[in-house]
Amino acid sequence: MSTELTRSRARARAVADAVLYEGYLLYPYRANSAKNQSRWQFGVLGPTGAAATGLGEEAELSAQCLIEAGEHASITLTVRFLHLQRRTVEDAGGDPVAELVVDGRSWISWDEAVECEERIGPLRLTDSTARLSIPAGTDLEVIPGPDGSPAGRLVRSRVHLDGEVQVAVEPDGRWTRLSVTLRNIGAPATDREEAMARSLIGAHVIADIDDGSFVSLLEPPPDAEAAVARCVQHRCFPVLAGPPGDHSIVLISPIILYDHPEIAEQSEGPLFDSTEIDEILTLRVMTMTDQEKAEARATDQRAAQIIDRCDAMTPEALQQLHGVLRDPHAEAAALIPEVPDGVDWWDPLADNAVRPESDAVMVGAVKVRNGTRVRLHPSRRADAHDLFYDGRVARVVTVHADVDGQAHVGVVIEDDPAAELHEWYGRYLYFAPEEIEPLDSPRE
């Protein structure tokens, strides 16, 4: 496997992990929290009949996407979901208890989850069905007392799950339409708790293709737009999951994402809280009392890790969660000279660095500044009066930049009888760099 392919799959899996655990824990991460009584919001596939009886969610999700297939094209599907695991606390006598406190530490009953992953393929591009069978299981963990003797135990139990993956392939012009359906075919449940225990939670599919490429459903090429419009999705949406330019991996996600999604580098660890903002959740955790934190730690190992990470967070790490300021006009023409690095726009030094009468802005290969002749092409301004100047020739007088970094070019109309008067008292017309066409040759 090439290094590039390995990196693409690692990137897709990192995003898929975030999808897998969204809704796993909900602030404030305590078992008695009302929000934590309604977990597992995304990608829950209930057992047969659960939705019809009001006990759980629908049993399937399905997606269609387009493939540009080579002669030997094949796909590999990786089905991933969480399997609910009931953790019951028992005392030394083997009787279930709501809470067990040993040597100052608390254990409570809680619904955990374990990851399940099934790889299907490689498959040729033909119709097929694959069965999933996830065995039941029970694990025991002894809780030692202060003297080392058993003070109780944790009993973790999982029920059997059954599912299937259906693949359907059909031509659509020069494209191939791939349909993937993931379905829970497990036995019906008798109550809500059993329905959740028999559900596939956070279910999603990673699809890899060899000798072919997937077509973006969000930004398809013009000749694929009609075929893309005929693709149907149910409870999920497929997006290109590799780095930009990579069309070999698709993530069929129950959370709608954009193409080529990635985990923010500012996020040092997962918070599992239904796509909320890391900074807000971190600050909320920091406001919890010691008792609340102890209750949160008792629920789940992942909750304990969140509490510990927030408690140990440095001011620098917290500041990083505040976000990164990115210039939305980074590709726009920049003012020459620019405000020096490290100088804020409100600093008087910024004013000293900017001289509208001599500053310039690059428009194509032309440095536009005082005296440059331009032709006006108003486009984005809201003032209807500007339309009267469309095609008119003007002379640049000043070049400005606002606090958002956008450049504005001040001009006077060349054949305006009052041009000299307007220039004398500073009554200019202002246009963006993309609204002017330089008539002078490139010059320094």
Protein backbone atom coordinates (compact mmCIF):
# COMPACT_ATOMS: atom_id res chain seq x y z
CA MET A 1 0.00 0.00 0.00
CA SER A 2 1.38 3.40 -0.98
CA THR A 3 2.17 6.05 1.63
CA GLU A 4 -0.32 8.40 -0.04
CA LEU A 5 -3.11 5.82 0.14
CA THR A 6 -2.28 5.06 3.77
CA ARG A 7 -2.55 8.75 4.67
CA SER A 8 -5.84 9.08 2.79
CA ARG A 9 -7.35 6.17 4.68
CA ALA A 10 -6.04 7.45 8.01
CA ARG A 11 -7.64 10.83 7.35
CA ALA A 12 -10.96 9.23 6.43
CA ARG A 13 -10.87 7.02 9.52
CA ALA A 14 -10.17 9.96 11.84
CA VAL A 15 -13.32 11.71 10.60
CA ALA A 16 -15.25 8.44 10.76
CA ASP A 17 -14.20 8.03 14.42
CA ALA A 18 -15.68 11.45 15.18
CA VAL A 19 -18.92 10.39 13.48
CA LEU A 20 -18.90 7.08 15.38
CA TYR A 21 -18.82 8.72 18.81
CA GLU A 22 -20.95 11.84 18.32
CA GLY A 23 -23.64 11.68 20.99
CA TYR A 24 -21.75 9.09 23.04
CA LEU A 25 -21.62 11.45 26.02
CA LEU A 26 -23.62 14.59 26.63
CA TYR A 27 -22.66 17.43 28.97
CA PRO A 28 -22.42 17.38 31.92
CA TYR A 29 -21.45 13.71 31.53
CA ARG A 30 -23.26 12.46 34.62
CA ALA A 31 -25.58 9.48 34.63
CA ASN A 32 -28.36 11.50 36.28
CA SER A 33 -28.22 14.23 33.63
CA ALA A 34 -31.47 14.49 31.67
CA LYS A 35 -29.49 14.91 28.44
CA ASN A 36 -27.68 11.66 29.06
CA GLN A 37 -30.98 9.82 29.11
CA SER A 38 -31.23 10.45 25.35
CA ARG A 39 -27.87 9.54 23.90
CA TRP A 40 -26.87 8.03 20.55
CA GLN A 41 -28.44 10.65 18.28
CA PHE A 42 -26.78 9.83 14.97
CA GLY A 43 -26.80 6.77 12.76
CA VAL A 44 -28.89 4.52 15.02
CA LEU A 45 -30.31 1.53 13.15
CA GLY A 46 -32.96 -0.14 15.29
CA PRO A 47 -33.98 -3.80 15.15
CA THR A 48 -36.82 -5.06 12.98
CA GLY A 49 -40.08 -3.19 13.65
CA ALA A 50 -38.63 -0.84 16.28
CA ALA A 51 -39.64 2.34 14.44
CA ALA A 52 -43.17 1.10 13.71
CA THR A 53 -43.77 0.23 17.37
CA GLY A 54 -42.21 3.45 18.68
CA LEU A 55 -39.48 1.57 20.53
CA GLY A 56 -36.51 2.69 18.45
CA GLU A 57 -35.20 4.00 15.15
CA GLU A 58 -35.57 2.87 11.56
CA ALA A 59 -33.64 -0.24 10.62
CA GLU A 60 -31.67 1.02 7.63
CA LEU A 61 -29.74 3.77 5.93
CA SER A 62 -28.91 3.88 2.25
CA ALA A 63 -26.83 6.00 -0.10
CA GLN A 64 -26.20 6.34 -3.81
CA CYS A 65 -23.09 7.76 -5.39
CA LEU A 66 -21.51 7.92 -8.83
CA ILE A 67 -18.40 6.11 -9.96
CA GLU A 68 -16.19 6.60 -12.97
CA ALA A 69 -15.18 2.97 -13.27
CA GLY A 70 -12.22 1.38 -14.96
CA GLU A 71 -12.26 -2.04 -16.59
CA HIS A 72 -11.17 -3.81 -13.40
CA ALA A 73 -12.92 -1.57 -10.85
CA SER A 74 -13.70 -3.00 -7.42
CA ILE A 75 -14.88 -1.59 -4.12
CA THR A 76 -14.18 -2.43 -0.50
CA LEU A 77 -16.75 -1.50 2.15
CA THR A 78 -15.86 -1.02 5.81
CA VAL A 79 -18.99 -1.05 7.99
CA ARG A 80 -18.50 0.51 11.41
CA PHE A 81 -20.84 1.04 14.37
CA LEU A 82 -21.04 0.87 18.15
CA HIS A 83 -22.44 -2.15 19.97
CA LEU A 84 -24.17 -1.16 23.21
CA GLN A 85 -22.66 -2.77 26.29
CA ARG A 86 -24.63 -2.78 29.54
CA ARG A 87 -22.41 -2.32 32.57
CA THR A 88 -24.03 -3.52 35.79
CA VAL A 89 -22.48 -3.02 39.22
CA GLU A 90 -22.72 -5.88 41.71
CA ASP A 91 -21.68 -5.93 45.37
CA ALA A 92 -19.47 -8.56 46.99
CA GLY A 93 -22.47 -10.89 47.31
CA GLY A 94 -23.28 -10.70 43.59
CA ASP A 95 -26.39 -8.53 43.97
CA PRO A 96 -26.92 -5.65 41.50
CA VAL A 97 -26.61 -2.20 43.11
CA ALA A 98 -27.16 1.29 41.75
CA GLU A 99 -23.78 2.48 43.04
CA LEU A 100 -20.77 0.95 44.72
CA VAL A 101 -18.26 3.14 46.57
CA VAL A 102 -14.93 1.56 47.44
CA ASP A 103 -12.07 3.48 49.02
CA GLY A 104 -13.52 6.82 47.94
CA ARG A 105 -14.11 5.78 44.34
CA SER A 106 -17.58 5.33 42.86
CA TRP A 107 -18.86 2.79 40.31
CA ILE A 108 -22.34 3.05 38.81
CA SER A 109 -24.32 1.12 36.22
CA TRP A 110 -23.96 2.66 32.78
CA ASP A 111 -24.47 1.93 29.09
CA GLU A 112 -21.07 1.78 27.44
CA ALA A 113 -20.31 0.78 23.87
CA VAL A 114 -17.70 -1.20 22.00
CA GLU A 115 -16.56 -0.59 18.44
CA CYS A 116 -17.52 -3.06 15.71
CA GLU A 117 -15.96 -3.11 12.27
CA GLU A 118 -16.68 -5.46 9.38
CA ARG A 119 -14.72 -5.35 6.13
CA ILE A 120 -16.51 -6.50 2.97
CA GLY A 121 -14.67 -7.01 -0.28
CA PRO A 122 -13.00 -6.31 -2.55
CA LEU A 123 -16.21 -6.60 -4.58
CA ARG A 124 -16.58 -6.37 -8.35
CA LEU A 125 -19.20 -3.85 -9.46
CA THR A 126 -22.13 -6.25 -9.39
CA ASP A 127 -25.18 -6.65 -7.14
CA SER A 128 -24.41 -8.50 -3.92
CA THR A 129 -25.50 -8.97 -0.29
CA ALA A 130 -23.28 -9.62 2.73
CA ARG A 131 -24.46 -10.69 6.17
CA LEU A 132 -23.19 -9.28 9.47
CA SER A 133 -23.25 -11.36 12.64
CA ILE A 134 -21.99 -9.81 15.87
CA PRO A 135 -21.89 -12.32 18.76
CA ALA A 136 -23.26 -11.71 22.24
CA GLY A 137 -20.77 -11.56 25.08
CA THR A 138 -20.26 -11.07 28.81
CA ASP A 139 -17.14 -9.74 30.52
CA LEU A 140 -16.44 -9.59 34.26
CA GLU A 141 -14.18 -7.12 36.08
CA VAL A 142 -13.45 -7.49 39.79
CA ILE A 143 -13.50 -4.34 41.93
CA PRO A 144 -10.83 -4.80 44.62
CA GLY A 145 -11.37 -3.57 48.17
CA PRO A 146 -8.78 -1.71 50.32
CA ASP A 147 -7.32 -5.02 51.50
CA GLY A 148 -7.22 -6.50 48.02
CA SER A 149 -10.19 -8.81 48.45
CA PRO A 150 -13.14 -8.52 46.00
CA ALA A 151 -15.50 -5.70 47.02
CA GLY A 152 -17.76 -6.18 44.02
CA ARG A 153 -17.61 -6.55 40.29
CA LEU A 154 -18.65 -5.01 36.98
CA VAL A 155 -20.66 -7.18 34.61
CA ARG A 156 -20.55 -6.04 30.99
CA SER A 157 -23.02 -7.73 28.66
CA ARG A 158 -23.84 -7.46 24.95
CA VAL A 159 -26.64 -9.06 22.95
CA HIS A 160 -26.33 -10.68 19.53
CA LEU A 161 -26.68 -8.39 16.48
CA ASP A 162 -27.60 -9.27 12.91
CA GLY A 163 -27.27 -7.03 9.91
CA GLU A 164 -26.75 -7.02 6.18
CA VAL A 165 -25.18 -4.85 3.51
CA GLN A 166 -26.74 -4.71 0.07
CA VAL A 167 -24.86 -3.42 -2.95
CA ALA A 168 -26.59 -2.54 -6.20
CA VAL A 169 -24.93 -1.28 -9.39
CA GLU A 170 -26.52 0.28 -12.47
CA PRO A 171 -25.26 2.38 -15.38
CA ASP A 172 -26.21 6.02 -15.79
CA GLY A 173 -24.74 7.28 -19.04
CA ARG A 174 -20.95 7.16 -18.80
CA TRP A 175 -21.21 6.80 -15.02
CA THR A 176 -21.96 3.88 -12.72
CA ARG A 177 -24.44 4.44 -9.89
CA LEU A 178 -23.49 2.57 -6.71
CA SER A 179 -26.21 1.95 -4.11
CA VAL A 180 -25.22 0.83 -0.61
CA THR A 181 -27.82 -0.14 2.01
CA LEU A 182 -26.90 -1.01 5.59
CA ARG A 183 -29.74 -2.73 7.44
CA ASN A 184 -30.34 -4.10 10.94
CA ILE A 185 -32.18 -7.42 10.54
CA GLY A 186 -32.07 -8.41 14.21
CA ALA A 187 -35.02 -9.84 16.12
CA PRO A 188 -37.74 -7.42 17.29
CA ALA A 189 -37.44 -5.85 20.72
CA THR A 190 -40.07 -5.77 23.46
CA ASP A 191 -39.11 -2.43 25.06
CA ARG A 192 -36.97 0.66 24.48
CA GLU A 193 -33.97 -0.61 26.43
CA GLU A 194 -33.89 -3.85 24.49
CA ALA A 195 -34.35 -1.97 21.22
CA MET A 196 -31.29 0.16 21.92
CA ALA A 197 -29.26 -2.86 22.99
CA ARG A 198 -30.10 -4.46 19.61
CA SER A 199 -29.30 -1.33 17.57
CA LEU A 200 -26.32 -0.52 15.38
CA ILE A 201 -25.20 2.84 16.83
CA GLY A 202 -23.32 5.56 14.93
CA ALA A 203 -23.49 3.35 11.85
CA HIS A 204 -21.57 4.45 8.77
CA VAL A 205 -19.67 2.98 5.83
CA ILE A 206 -16.25 3.77 4.35
CA ALA A 207 -16.03 2.83 0.66
CA ASP A 208 -12.69 2.45 -1.16
CA ILE A 209 -12.40 2.00 -4.90
CA ASP A 210 -9.62 0.51 -7.03
CA ASP A 211 -9.33 1.27 -10.74
CA GLY A 212 -11.94 3.98 -10.56
CA SER A 213 -12.95 7.19 -8.81
CA PHE A 214 -15.95 8.58 -7.00
CA VAL A 215 -17.73 11.70 -8.22
CA SER A 216 -18.37 14.52 -5.77
CA LEU A 217 -22.09 14.87 -5.11
CA LEU A 218 -21.55 18.39 -3.77
CA GLU A 219 -19.44 19.75 -6.63
CA PRO A 220 -19.92 17.39 -9.57
CA PRO A 221 -18.41 18.10 -12.98
CA PRO A 222 -20.95 19.64 -15.38
CA ASP A 223 -21.48 16.43 -17.35
CA ALA A 224 -22.33 14.53 -14.13
CA GLU A 225 -24.83 17.00 -12.67
CA ALA A 226 -27.91 15.28 -14.08
CA ALA A 227 -26.76 11.85 -12.89
CA VAL A 228 -25.94 13.24 -9.45
CA ALA A 229 -29.44 14.73 -9.22
CA ARG A 230 -30.83 11.22 -9.69
CA CYS A 231 -28.92 9.85 -6.69
CA VAL A 232 -31.14 9.23 -3.65
CA GLN A 233 -30.01 9.28 0.00
CA HIS A 234 -31.80 7.99 3.09
CA ARG A 235 -30.58 9.02 6.58
CA CYS A 236 -27.00 9.58 5.38
CA PHE A 237 -24.91 11.36 2.77
CA PRO A 238 -21.73 10.22 0.97
CA VAL A 239 -18.80 12.65 0.80
CA LEU A 240 -15.27 12.38 -0.53
CA ALA A 241 -13.26 11.52 2.58
CA GLY A 242 -9.65 11.71 1.42
CA PRO A 243 -7.53 14.86 1.10
CA PRO A 244 -8.40 17.42 -1.59
CA GLY A 245 -7.88 15.91 -5.02
CA ASP A 246 -8.39 12.33 -3.79
CA HIS A 247 -11.53 10.66 -5.22
CA SER A 248 -10.77 7.11 -4.07
CA ILE A 249 -12.57 7.11 -0.69
CA VAL A 250 -16.14 7.96 0.24
CA LEU A 251 -17.58 8.21 3.75
CA ILE A 252 -21.29 7.39 3.92
CA SER A 253 -22.09 9.38 7.04
CA PRO A 254 -25.26 9.88 9.10
CA ILE A 255 -23.96 13.40 9.78
CA ILE A 256 -23.89 15.61 6.68
CA LEU A 257 -20.33 16.73 6.03
CA TYR A 258 -18.54 18.57 3.25
CA ASP A 259 -16.10 16.90 0.86
CA HIS A 260 -12.62 16.20 2.22
CA PRO A 261 -13.53 16.82 5.90
CA GLU A 262 -10.79 16.86 8.51
CA ILE A 263 -10.41 17.09 12.25
CA ALA A 264 -9.47 20.59 13.43
CA GLU A 265 -5.88 20.64 14.61
CA GLN A 266 -6.96 22.81 17.55
CA SER A 267 -9.04 19.95 18.96
CA GLU A 268 -6.72 17.93 21.20
CA GLY A 269 -9.26 15.26 22.08
CA PRO A 270 -12.87 14.20 21.49
CA LEU A 271 -15.78 15.49 23.56
CA PHE A 272 -18.44 13.24 21.97
CA ASP A 273 -21.11 15.89 22.56
CA SER A 274 -23.36 16.02 19.51
CA THR A 275 -21.17 18.30 17.33
CA GLU A 276 -21.12 21.14 19.84
CA ILE A 277 -18.18 23.54 20.12
CA ASP A 278 -15.06 22.28 21.91
CA GLU A 279 -14.32 25.59 23.62
CA ILE A 280 -17.82 25.94 25.09
CA LEU A 281 -17.86 22.36 26.36
CA THR A 282 -14.38 22.68 27.85
CA LEU A 283 -15.36 25.83 29.73
CA ARG A 284 -18.49 24.09 31.01
CA VAL A 285 -16.46 21.15 32.28
CA MET A 286 -14.13 23.58 34.05
CA THR A 287 -17.08 25.07 35.92
CA MET A 288 -18.18 21.72 37.35
CA THR A 289 -17.78 21.17 41.09
CA ASP A 290 -15.49 18.46 42.43
CA GLN A 291 -18.56 16.39 43.30
CA GLU A 292 -19.94 16.73 39.78
CA LYS A 293 -16.59 15.76 38.33
CA ALA A 294 -16.46 12.70 40.56
CA GLU A 295 -19.94 11.70 39.33
CA ALA A 296 -18.84 12.19 35.74
CA ARG A 297 -15.71 10.08 36.21
CA ALA A 298 -17.87 7.28 37.62
CA THR A 299 -19.92 6.98 34.45
CA ASP A 300 -17.34 6.04 31.86
CA GLN A 301 -13.62 5.88 31.20
CA ARG A 302 -14.03 8.30 28.30
CA ALA A 303 -15.83 10.78 30.57
CA ALA A 304 -12.97 10.51 33.07
CA GLN A 305 -10.48 11.25 30.30
CA ILE A 306 -12.43 14.37 29.32
CA ILE A 307 -12.44 15.64 32.91
CA ASP A 308 -8.73 14.96 33.33
CA ARG A 309 -7.85 16.61 30.03
CA CYS A 310 -9.86 19.74 30.85
CA ASP A 311 -8.36 19.95 34.35
CA ALA A 312 -4.84 19.74 32.91
CA MET A 313 -5.45 22.16 30.03
CA THR A 314 -2.92 24.96 29.76
CA PRO A 315 -3.92 28.58 29.05
CA GLU A 316 -2.25 28.23 25.64
CA ALA A 317 -4.29 25.15 24.76
CA LEU A 318 -7.50 26.85 25.89
CA GLN A 319 -6.68 29.93 23.82
CA GLN A 320 -6.14 27.67 20.82
CA LEU A 321 -9.69 26.35 21.19
CA HIS A 322 -10.93 29.91 20.71
CA GLY A 323 -10.27 29.37 17.04
CA VAL A 324 -8.00 30.59 14.30
CA LEU A 325 -8.62 33.88 12.54
CA ARG A 326 -8.49 33.26 8.83
CA ASP A 327 -8.79 36.09 6.33
CA PRO A 328 -11.87 35.35 4.18
CA HIS A 329 -10.35 37.63 1.56
CA ALA A 330 -6.95 35.97 1.55
CA GLU A 331 -7.05 35.66 -2.23
CA ALA A 332 -8.15 39.27 -2.68
CA ALA A 333 -5.80 42.03 -3.72
CA ALA A 334 -3.69 43.24 -0.81
CA LEU A 335 -2.74 46.80 -0.05
CA ILE A 336 0.85 47.84 -0.76
CA PRO A 337 2.40 48.56 1.68
CA GLU A 338 0.63 46.35 4.21
CA VAL A 339 0.33 47.16 7.89
CA PRO A 340 3.47 45.76 9.58
CA ASP A 341 3.20 42.32 11.20
CA GLY A 342 2.21 42.50 14.85
CA VAL A 343 0.57 45.93 14.49
CA ASP A 344 -3.18 46.02 15.13
CA TRP A 345 -5.40 48.09 12.87
CA TRP A 346 -6.27 50.46 15.72
CA ASP A 347 -2.63 51.13 16.59
CA PRO A 348 -1.46 54.62 15.49
CA LEU A 349 1.51 52.90 13.86
CA ALA A 350 -0.93 51.36 11.42
CA ASP A 351 -2.05 54.81 10.34
CA ASN A 352 1.57 55.84 9.86
CA ALA A 353 2.19 52.84 7.59
CA VAL A 354 -0.71 53.63 5.23
CA ARG A 355 -0.68 56.54 2.78
CA PRO A 356 -3.72 56.37 0.44
CA GLU A 357 -2.25 58.94 -1.96
CA SER A 358 0.81 56.77 -2.69
CA ASP A 359 -0.22 53.22 -1.71
CA ALA A 360 -1.04 50.69 -4.41
CA VAL A 361 -2.94 47.48 -5.01
CA MET A 362 -2.16 44.77 -7.56
CA VAL A 363 -4.87 44.16 -10.15
CA GLY A 364 -3.61 41.37 -12.34
CA ALA A 365 -0.05 42.33 -13.28
CA VAL A 366 -0.69 46.07 -12.88
CA LYS A 367 0.19 48.01 -9.76
CA VAL A 368 -2.79 50.38 -9.44
CA ARG A 369 -2.14 53.64 -7.58
CA ASN A 370 -2.55 57.40 -7.82
CA GLY A 371 -2.65 58.39 -11.50
CA THR A 372 -3.49 54.95 -12.95
CA ARG A 373 -6.17 55.05 -15.65
CA VAL A 374 -8.85 52.37 -15.28
CA ARG A 375 -12.15 51.34 -16.83
CA LEU A 376 -14.99 50.77 -14.37
CA HIS A 377 -17.09 47.58 -14.22
CA PRO A 378 -19.37 47.86 -11.14
CA SER A 379 -20.54 44.46 -9.97
CA ARG A 380 -20.87 43.91 -6.24
CA ARG A 381 -21.84 47.33 -4.90
CA ALA A 382 -25.43 47.96 -3.76
CA ASP A 383 -25.61 51.56 -5.00
CA ALA A 384 -27.61 51.61 -8.25
CA HIS A 385 -25.98 54.94 -9.10
CA ASP A 386 -22.74 53.06 -9.75
CA LEU A 387 -24.30 51.38 -12.79
CA PHE A 388 -24.17 54.71 -14.59
CA TYR A 389 -20.38 54.46 -14.50
CA ASP A 390 -20.17 51.04 -16.13
CA GLY A 391 -17.58 51.24 -18.93
CA ARG A 392 -16.47 54.76 -18.04
CA VAL A 393 -12.79 55.63 -17.83
CA ALA A 394 -11.55 56.97 -14.50
CA ARG A 395 -8.31 58.04 -12.85
CA VAL A 396 -7.19 56.54 -9.55
CA VAL A 397 -6.58 59.06 -6.78
CA THR A 398 -6.31 56.97 -3.57
CA VAL A 399 -6.07 53.34 -2.45
CA HIS A 400 -7.48 52.34 0.94
CA ALA A 401 -7.94 49.21 3.06
CA ASP A 402 -10.70 48.75 5.64
CA VAL A 403 -10.36 46.95 8.99
CA ASP A 404 -11.41 43.67 7.34
CA GLY A 405 -8.49 43.87 4.93
CA GLN A 406 -10.54 44.67 1.84
CA ALA A 407 -9.03 47.14 -0.62
CA HIS A 408 -11.01 50.10 -1.98
CA VAL A 409 -9.88 52.22 -4.91
CA GLY A 410 -10.91 55.90 -4.96
CA VAL A 411 -11.36 57.36 -8.45
CA VAL A 412 -12.63 60.40 -10.30
CA ILE A 413 -14.33 60.10 -13.71
CA GLU A 414 -11.95 61.26 -16.43
CA ASP A 415 -14.50 63.18 -18.53
CA ASP A 416 -16.36 64.64 -15.54
CA PRO A 417 -16.17 68.48 -15.81
CA ALA A 418 -16.05 68.62 -12.02
CA ALA A 419 -13.25 66.02 -11.68
CA GLU A 420 -10.68 68.52 -10.44
CA LEU A 421 -13.13 69.95 -7.93
CA HIS A 422 -14.03 66.44 -6.62
CA GLU A 423 -10.34 65.62 -6.26
CA TRP A 424 -9.63 68.91 -4.49
CA TYR A 425 -12.07 68.29 -1.66
CA GLY A 426 -11.86 64.48 -1.64
CA ARG A 427 -15.20 63.44 -3.12
CA TYR A 428 -14.19 60.15 -4.76
CA LEU A 429 -16.09 57.17 -6.10
CA TYR A 430 -14.92 53.89 -4.54
CA PHE A 431 -14.67 50.52 -6.26
CA ALA A 432 -13.21 47.14 -5.38
CA PRO A 433 -10.09 45.97 -7.26
CA GLU A 434 -12.13 43.35 -9.15
CA GLU A 435 -14.43 46.13 -10.42
CA ILE A 436 -11.72 47.99 -12.26
CA GLU A 437 -9.80 47.20 -15.46
CA PRO A 438 -6.34 48.84 -15.60
CA LEU A 439 -5.70 50.62 -18.89
CA ASP A 440 -2.02 51.31 -18.17
CA SER A 441 0.76 48.81 -18.84
CA PRO A 442 2.30 46.89 -15.92
CA ARG A 443 4.80 49.03 -14.09
CA GLU A 444 6.68 49.13 -10.81
